Amino acid sequence: VQLQASGGGSVQAGASLRLSCVGVGRTLTMYTKAWFRQLPGKEREFVAAISGHGRNTLYADSVKGRFTISRDNAENTVGLQMNSLKPEDTAVYYCAASGEFTLSDSSPEYEYWGQGTQVTVSS
């Protein structure tokens, strides 16, 4: 099972980016999906999660109102639309999948992880 994240890049503050993550191999279609981010030397930080059917979402307070998580189960993808980016959003972003139905902001709850994609926001 692989999760492949893409869409990162370097932008100015206030710009937008869209991250995408596709599942390869075993289908994780109905798994809870999430995005986390991490800076070097720091713990992985929760960003957003979405339920298997896409009806329920959970966001970190720091991104609420600016980021939107979505999924397309037919394509086995999960996306993260990031608007009004700030320098403090700079990090490596990881997608993750969990077999639990309950949305969680805790990284140990997620069994499958993508390789990460770098997002850099300059002021």
N, C-alpha and C. Protein backbone atom coordinates (compact mmCIF):
# COMPACT_ATOMS: atom_id res chain seq x y z
N VAL A 1 0.85 -1.19 0.00
CA VAL A 1 0.00 0.00 0.00
C VAL A 1 0.88 1.24 0.00
N GLN A 2 0.58 2.15 -0.88
CA GLN A 2 1.32 3.40 -0.93
C GLN A 2 0.35 4.57 -1.03
N LEU A 3 0.73 5.65 -0.37
CA LEU A 3 0.03 6.91 -0.51
C LEU A 3 1.03 7.87 -1.13
N GLN A 4 0.66 8.46 -2.23
CA GLN A 4 1.58 9.34 -2.94
C GLN A 4 1.02 10.75 -2.93
N ALA A 5 1.75 11.64 -2.25
CA ALA A 5 1.33 13.03 -2.14
C ALA A 5 2.04 13.89 -3.18
N SER A 6 1.36 14.91 -3.64
CA SER A 6 1.93 15.83 -4.62
C SER A 6 1.27 17.19 -4.47
N GLY A 7 1.84 18.18 -5.15
CA GLY A 7 1.23 19.50 -5.17
C GLY A 7 1.92 20.56 -4.35
N GLY A 8 2.96 20.18 -3.63
CA GLY A 8 3.68 21.17 -2.83
C GLY A 8 4.45 22.14 -3.72
N GLY A 9 5.00 23.16 -3.10
CA GLY A 9 5.77 24.14 -3.85
C GLY A 9 6.13 25.32 -2.98
N SER A 10 6.69 26.34 -3.62
CA SER A 10 7.09 27.57 -2.94
C SER A 10 6.22 28.71 -3.43
N VAL A 11 5.57 29.39 -2.49
CA VAL A 11 4.66 30.49 -2.84
C VAL A 11 4.86 31.65 -1.89
N GLN A 12 4.28 32.79 -2.26
CA GLN A 12 4.28 33.95 -1.39
C GLN A 12 3.11 33.87 -0.42
N ALA A 13 3.25 34.56 0.69
CA ALA A 13 2.14 34.62 1.65
C ALA A 13 0.89 35.17 0.97
N GLY A 14 -0.24 34.57 1.31
CA GLY A 14 -1.51 34.97 0.71
C GLY A 14 -1.92 34.14 -0.49
N ALA A 15 -0.99 33.37 -1.02
CA ALA A 15 -1.26 32.54 -2.20
C ALA A 15 -1.99 31.26 -1.79
N SER A 16 -2.32 30.46 -2.80
CA SER A 16 -3.01 29.19 -2.59
C SER A 16 -2.22 28.04 -3.20
N LEU A 17 -2.40 26.88 -2.62
CA LEU A 17 -1.84 25.65 -3.16
C LEU A 17 -2.86 24.54 -2.93
N ARG A 18 -2.83 23.54 -3.80
CA ARG A 18 -3.69 22.39 -3.60
C ARG A 18 -2.82 21.13 -3.57
N LEU A 19 -2.90 20.41 -2.48
CA LEU A 19 -2.20 19.15 -2.35
C LEU A 19 -3.14 18.01 -2.73
N SER A 20 -2.56 16.96 -3.27
CA SER A 20 -3.34 15.78 -3.61
C SER A 20 -2.60 14.54 -3.16
N CYS A 21 -3.36 13.52 -2.79
CA CYS A 21 -2.77 12.26 -2.34
C CYS A 21 -3.57 11.12 -2.96
N VAL A 22 -2.89 10.22 -3.64
CA VAL A 22 -3.57 9.09 -4.28
C VAL A 22 -3.09 7.81 -3.63
N GLY A 23 -4.01 6.89 -3.45
CA GLY A 23 -3.67 5.59 -2.90
C GLY A 23 -3.29 4.63 -4.01
N VAL A 24 -2.20 3.92 -3.84
CA VAL A 24 -1.73 2.97 -4.84
C VAL A 24 -1.63 1.60 -4.19
N GLY A 25 -2.13 0.60 -4.85
CA GLY A 25 -2.07 -0.72 -4.29
C GLY A 25 -3.40 -1.08 -3.65
N ARG A 26 -3.35 -1.63 -2.45
CA ARG A 26 -4.58 -2.00 -1.75
C ARG A 26 -5.49 -0.78 -1.62
N THR A 27 -6.74 -0.96 -1.89
CA THR A 27 -7.68 0.15 -1.86
C THR A 27 -7.98 0.57 -0.43
N LEU A 28 -7.78 1.85 -0.17
CA LEU A 28 -8.12 2.42 1.14
C LEU A 28 -9.30 3.36 0.99
N THR A 29 -10.17 3.02 0.06
CA THR A 29 -11.21 3.94 -0.36
C THR A 29 -12.01 4.51 0.80
N MET A 30 -12.47 3.65 1.72
CA MET A 30 -13.37 4.11 2.78
C MET A 30 -12.63 4.42 4.08
N TYR A 31 -11.32 4.44 4.04
CA TYR A 31 -10.55 4.77 5.23
C TYR A 31 -10.67 6.26 5.54
N THR A 32 -10.60 6.58 6.79
CA THR A 32 -10.46 7.98 7.19
C THR A 32 -9.13 8.48 6.64
N LYS A 33 -9.14 9.65 6.05
CA LYS A 33 -7.93 10.23 5.49
C LYS A 33 -7.61 11.54 6.21
N ALA A 34 -6.33 11.85 6.25
CA ALA A 34 -5.93 13.06 6.96
C ALA A 34 -4.66 13.63 6.36
N TRP A 35 -4.42 14.87 6.72
CA TRP A 35 -3.16 15.54 6.40
C TRP A 35 -2.50 15.97 7.70
N PHE A 36 -1.21 15.75 7.77
CA PHE A 36 -0.38 16.23 8.86
C PHE A 36 0.76 17.03 8.25
N ARG A 37 1.46 17.79 9.09
CA ARG A 37 2.63 18.51 8.61
C ARG A 37 3.70 18.47 9.67
N GLN A 38 4.94 18.67 9.22
CA GLN A 38 6.07 18.56 10.13
C GLN A 38 7.21 19.45 9.70
N LEU A 39 7.78 20.12 10.68
CA LEU A 39 9.00 20.89 10.48
C LEU A 39 10.16 20.08 11.02
N PRO A 40 11.37 20.29 10.49
CA PRO A 40 12.54 19.56 11.00
C PRO A 40 12.71 19.75 12.50
N GLY A 41 12.89 18.64 13.20
CA GLY A 41 13.11 18.70 14.64
C GLY A 41 11.86 18.87 15.46
N LYS A 42 10.70 18.92 14.80
CA LYS A 42 9.45 19.10 15.53
C LYS A 42 8.54 17.91 15.33
N GLU A 43 7.57 17.77 16.21
CA GLU A 43 6.62 16.68 16.09
C GLU A 43 5.66 16.92 14.93
N ARG A 44 5.15 15.80 14.42
CA ARG A 44 4.17 15.90 13.36
C ARG A 44 2.90 16.54 13.90
N GLU A 45 2.34 17.47 13.14
CA GLU A 45 1.20 18.26 13.58
C GLU A 45 -0.01 17.96 12.71
N PHE A 46 -1.15 17.75 13.35
CA PHE A 46 -2.39 17.49 12.64
C PHE A 46 -2.85 18.73 11.89
N VAL A 47 -3.38 18.51 10.67
CA VAL A 47 -3.90 19.61 9.87
C VAL A 47 -5.41 19.45 9.65
N ALA A 48 -5.81 18.31 9.06
CA ALA A 48 -7.23 18.10 8.76
C ALA A 48 -7.48 16.62 8.54
N ALA A 49 -8.73 16.20 8.76
CA ALA A 49 -9.13 14.82 8.53
C ALA A 49 -10.52 14.80 7.91
N ILE A 50 -10.81 13.71 7.18
CA ILE A 50 -12.11 13.56 6.54
C ILE A 50 -12.56 12.12 6.66
N SER A 51 -13.84 11.92 6.91
CA SER A 51 -14.38 10.58 7.09
C SER A 51 -14.47 9.84 5.77
N GLY A 52 -14.73 8.53 5.86
CA GLY A 52 -14.75 7.69 4.68
C GLY A 52 -15.72 8.14 3.60
N HIS A 53 -16.90 8.59 4.02
CA HIS A 53 -17.90 9.05 3.05
C HIS A 53 -17.72 10.52 2.71
N GLY A 54 -16.84 11.20 3.44
CA GLY A 54 -16.60 12.61 3.16
C GLY A 54 -17.57 13.55 3.82
N ARG A 55 -18.47 13.04 4.67
CA ARG A 55 -19.49 13.91 5.26
C ARG A 55 -18.97 14.67 6.47
N ASN A 56 -17.98 14.12 7.13
CA ASN A 56 -17.46 14.73 8.35
C ASN A 56 -16.01 15.14 8.16
N THR A 57 -15.68 16.30 8.68
CA THR A 57 -14.31 16.81 8.61
C THR A 57 -13.89 17.35 9.97
N LEU A 58 -12.59 17.44 10.15
CA LEU A 58 -12.01 17.96 11.38
C LEU A 58 -10.79 18.78 10.99
N TYR A 59 -10.64 19.96 11.58
CA TYR A 59 -9.53 20.83 11.23
C TYR A 59 -8.80 21.30 12.48
N ALA A 60 -7.51 21.51 12.34
CA ALA A 60 -6.75 22.18 13.38
C ALA A 60 -7.19 23.64 13.41
N ASP A 61 -7.20 24.21 14.59
CA ASP A 61 -7.62 25.61 14.72
C ASP A 61 -6.79 26.54 13.85
N SER A 62 -5.53 26.21 13.68
CA SER A 62 -4.61 27.09 12.94
C SER A 62 -4.94 27.19 11.45
N VAL A 63 -5.70 26.23 10.93
CA VAL A 63 -6.00 26.24 9.49
C VAL A 63 -7.49 26.40 9.20
N LYS A 64 -8.31 26.39 10.24
CA LYS A 64 -9.76 26.46 10.06
C LYS A 64 -10.12 27.74 9.33
N GLY A 65 -10.96 27.61 8.30
CA GLY A 65 -11.38 28.76 7.51
C GLY A 65 -10.46 29.06 6.34
N ARG A 66 -9.27 28.45 6.32
CA ARG A 66 -8.32 28.69 5.22
C ARG A 66 -8.08 27.43 4.39
N PHE A 67 -8.08 26.27 5.04
CA PHE A 67 -7.83 25.01 4.37
C PHE A 67 -9.13 24.22 4.25
N THR A 68 -9.25 23.45 3.16
CA THR A 68 -10.40 22.57 2.97
C THR A 68 -9.93 21.20 2.52
N ILE A 69 -10.34 20.18 3.26
CA ILE A 69 -10.00 18.81 2.89
C ILE A 69 -11.19 18.22 2.12
N SER A 70 -10.88 17.42 1.11
CA SER A 70 -11.93 16.79 0.32
C SER A 70 -11.42 15.43 -0.16
N ARG A 71 -12.32 14.63 -0.69
CA ARG A 71 -11.91 13.32 -1.19
C ARG A 71 -12.77 12.91 -2.36
N ASP A 72 -12.19 12.06 -3.20
CA ASP A 72 -12.89 11.48 -4.33
C ASP A 72 -12.64 9.98 -4.25
N ASN A 73 -13.61 9.25 -3.72
CA ASN A 73 -13.41 7.82 -3.52
C ASN A 73 -13.33 7.05 -4.83
N ALA A 74 -13.97 7.55 -5.86
CA ALA A 74 -13.88 6.89 -7.16
C ALA A 74 -12.46 6.92 -7.69
N GLU A 75 -11.74 7.99 -7.38
CA GLU A 75 -10.35 8.14 -7.84
C GLU A 75 -9.36 7.76 -6.75
N ASN A 76 -9.86 7.41 -5.57
CA ASN A 76 -9.01 7.05 -4.43
C ASN A 76 -8.03 8.17 -4.09
N THR A 77 -8.53 9.39 -4.07
CA THR A 77 -7.68 10.54 -3.78
C THR A 77 -8.26 11.36 -2.63
N VAL A 78 -7.38 12.07 -1.97
CA VAL A 78 -7.78 13.05 -0.96
C VAL A 78 -7.01 14.33 -1.26
N GLY A 79 -7.68 15.46 -1.16
CA GLY A 79 -7.05 16.73 -1.49
C GLY A 79 -7.05 17.67 -0.31
N LEU A 80 -6.17 18.65 -0.36
CA LEU A 80 -6.13 19.71 0.66
C LEU A 80 -5.96 21.03 -0.07
N GLN A 81 -7.02 21.80 -0.13
CA GLN A 81 -6.97 23.13 -0.71
C GLN A 81 -6.53 24.11 0.37
N MET A 82 -5.41 24.79 0.11
CA MET A 82 -4.84 25.69 1.10
C MET A 82 -4.88 27.11 0.56
N ASN A 83 -5.66 27.96 1.18
CA ASN A 83 -5.80 29.36 0.77
C ASN A 83 -5.19 30.26 1.84
N SER A 84 -4.93 31.49 1.44
CA SER A 84 -4.40 32.50 2.37
C SER A 84 -3.21 31.95 3.16
N LEU A 85 -2.28 31.37 2.44
CA LEU A 85 -1.14 30.72 3.09
C LEU A 85 -0.29 31.73 3.86
N LYS A 86 0.25 31.26 4.97
CA LYS A 86 1.09 32.07 5.83
C LYS A 86 2.47 31.43 5.95
N PRO A 87 3.49 32.21 6.28
CA PRO A 87 4.83 31.60 6.46
C PRO A 87 4.84 30.46 7.48
N GLU A 88 4.00 30.55 8.49
CA GLU A 88 3.96 29.49 9.50
C GLU A 88 3.32 28.20 8.99
N ASP A 89 2.79 28.21 7.76
CA ASP A 89 2.29 26.98 7.14
C ASP A 89 3.41 26.19 6.48
N THR A 90 4.59 26.77 6.43
CA THR A 90 5.74 26.08 5.83
C THR A 90 6.04 24.80 6.57
N ALA A 91 6.10 23.69 5.84
CA ALA A 91 6.34 22.38 6.45
C ALA A 91 6.34 21.33 5.34
N VAL A 92 6.71 20.12 5.71
CA VAL A 92 6.47 18.96 4.85
C VAL A 92 5.10 18.42 5.20
N TYR A 93 4.25 18.27 4.21
CA TYR A 93 2.88 17.82 4.42
C TYR A 93 2.77 16.33 4.06
N TYR A 94 2.14 15.58 4.95
CA TYR A 94 1.96 14.15 4.77
C TYR A 94 0.48 13.79 4.73
N CYS A 95 0.11 12.90 3.81
CA CYS A 95 -1.24 12.35 3.87
C CYS A 95 -1.18 11.02 4.63
N ALA A 96 -2.29 10.66 5.24
CA ALA A 96 -2.34 9.46 6.06
C ALA A 96 -3.72 8.84 5.97
N ALA A 97 -3.79 7.55 6.28
CA ALA A 97 -5.06 6.83 6.25
C ALA A 97 -5.21 5.99 7.50
N SER A 98 -6.44 5.95 7.99
CA SER A 98 -6.75 5.19 9.20
C SER A 98 -7.98 4.33 8.99
N GLY A 99 -7.95 3.11 9.52
CA GLY A 99 -9.10 2.22 9.44
C GLY A 99 -10.17 2.54 10.46
N GLU A 100 -9.89 3.49 11.36
CA GLU A 100 -10.87 3.88 12.36
C GLU A 100 -11.92 4.81 11.75
N PHE A 101 -13.16 4.67 12.17
CA PHE A 101 -14.23 5.52 11.65
C PHE A 101 -14.23 6.89 12.31
N THR A 102 -13.75 6.94 13.54
CA THR A 102 -13.75 8.21 14.27
C THR A 102 -12.62 9.09 13.78
N LEU A 103 -12.92 10.34 13.49
CA LEU A 103 -11.87 11.26 13.07
C LEU A 103 -10.92 11.50 14.23
N SER A 104 -9.64 11.50 13.93
CA SER A 104 -8.65 11.68 14.97
C SER A 104 -7.59 12.68 14.53
N ASP A 105 -7.09 13.44 15.50
CA ASP A 105 -5.98 14.36 15.23
C ASP A 105 -4.67 13.79 15.77
N SER A 106 -4.66 12.50 16.09
CA SER A 106 -3.49 11.86 16.67
C SER A 106 -2.80 10.98 15.64
N SER A 107 -1.55 11.27 15.36
CA SER A 107 -0.83 10.54 14.31
C SER A 107 -0.72 9.03 14.56
N PRO A 108 -0.58 8.54 15.80
CA PRO A 108 -0.51 7.08 15.99
C PRO A 108 -1.77 6.34 15.53
N GLU A 109 -2.89 7.05 15.36
CA GLU A 109 -4.12 6.41 14.91
C GLU A 109 -4.09 6.07 13.43
N TYR A 110 -3.11 6.56 12.70
CA TYR A 110 -3.05 6.39 11.26
C TYR A 110 -1.99 5.36 10.89
N GLU A 111 -2.42 4.32 10.15
CA GLU A 111 -1.54 3.20 9.83
C GLU A 111 -0.72 3.43 8.57
N TYR A 112 -1.24 4.19 7.64
CA TYR A 112 -0.59 4.35 6.34
C TYR A 112 -0.22 5.81 6.12
N TRP A 113 0.99 6.00 5.60
CA TRP A 113 1.51 7.35 5.41
C TRP A 113 2.12 7.51 4.03
N GLY A 114 1.95 8.71 3.46
CA GLY A 114 2.61 9.06 2.22
C GLY A 114 4.01 9.56 2.49
N GLN A 115 4.72 9.91 1.42
CA GLN A 115 6.13 10.27 1.54
C GLN A 115 6.34 11.73 1.89
N GLY A 116 5.34 12.56 1.81
CA GLY A 116 5.48 13.97 2.15
C GLY A 116 5.76 14.83 0.94
N THR A 117 5.24 16.05 1.00
CA THR A 117 5.49 17.04 -0.04
C THR A 117 5.77 18.38 0.63
N GLN A 118 6.79 19.08 0.16
CA GLN A 118 7.24 20.31 0.82
C GLN A 118 6.38 21.50 0.40
N VAL A 119 5.95 22.26 1.38
CA VAL A 119 5.27 23.52 1.15
C VAL A 119 6.08 24.62 1.82
N THR A 120 6.47 25.63 1.04
CA THR A 120 7.25 26.74 1.57
C THR A 120 6.52 28.04 1.26
N VAL A 121 6.25 28.81 2.29
CA VAL A 121 5.54 30.08 2.14
C VAL A 121 6.45 31.19 2.61
N SER A 122 6.76 32.10 1.73
CA SER A 122 7.65 33.21 2.09
C SER A 122 6.83 34.48 2.31
N SER A 123 7.38 35.33 3.17
CA SER A 123 6.66 36.57 3.52
C SER A 123 6.97 37.70 2.55
